[in-house]
Amino acid sequence: MRALIYSEFYKLFKQSKTYYALAALFIIEGVVLISAYFQGTNIIDILLDNLKQTFYFEGTLLNGNLLVYLILNTLWFHLPLILMIIVSGILTSEYKDRTVQAVMLQPISKWKFISSKYIVAIVFTIAVVFFVALSAFVLSYGIFGKGDLIVYLNALNFFEHTDAFKRLIWAFMSGTCSMVFFSVSSLTIAVFFKEATKTWIVSAFFLILSNILLKVDFGIHWFNRLFFAKLNDTWQYFFYTTIHWKTILENTLFLSVYIVLIMWLGIYVFNKKDIG
């Protein structure tokens, strides 16, 4: 199993699209920072001109904490989409090159083969989110400095720097679970569709549909609480004045169950189907 995991990591970092996709992520991050550098102050001043006359803000409103929060919001569609393309490719590329058949001729069980891909997908996703978070903090603080964080969620919420920093860290950690969910889902979709183009289209559709369903109120409390689409914005809960830890932990647990079930489905189907 260990050899299979090492092999999957090697194949993942050997494919050029991995590097193109990662470069795209950091370019998007750079665009957000550049845009904020040239236009952000004017936008903040217009939006909060009246509030500035009533409240005192420590530091500048356009600061590193706000930029990290903006990067969080900007990348929470782009990041899972790019991750889904990369992760699904570790299986679709093998179907395309017909290396799956060659591997299956070896004394390797199917479930170990596909399980190693899921393990690599999860580890890779966690690593990417970590480096996105690290670069966001380093660049945002380096360019814009520190200050109070202002977030609008039903109302304007204000957080001092130390509190904001902790909340942003927790948000990235919580969001990692959502990213793993989408990565694992894309790999399971690849098990069913095999072909890269079809897998990417279905994965993108699944991501878009999930974001749409996130905003839909189904009118049934327990369904709204347990439906997978409703669990993927749990990271936003850290930016309400009071952090509801019980809800966050429950959402994370439910989403983890979904991840395990989707992995099980992919492993089961791959293990049962003909590799042809």
Foldseek 3Di string as FASTA:
>chain_A
DVVLLVVLVVVLVVDPLNVVLLVVLVVVLVVLVVCCVVCVLVVVCVVCVVVVVPDDWDADAQALLQSLVVSCVVCLLSVLLSLLLSLLCSQLVCLVVVVVVVVVVDPDALLVNLVSSLVNSLVVLLVSLVVSSVCSNVVRCVVGNFTWYWDDDVHTDIGGRVLSVVLSVVLSVLLSLLSSLLSLLLNLLCLVPSHSVVSSVVSSVVSVVLCVVCPDDPVDVVCCLQPLSVLNNLSCLSRDPDRPVVSSVVSSVSSVVSSVVSNVSSSVSSNPDDSD
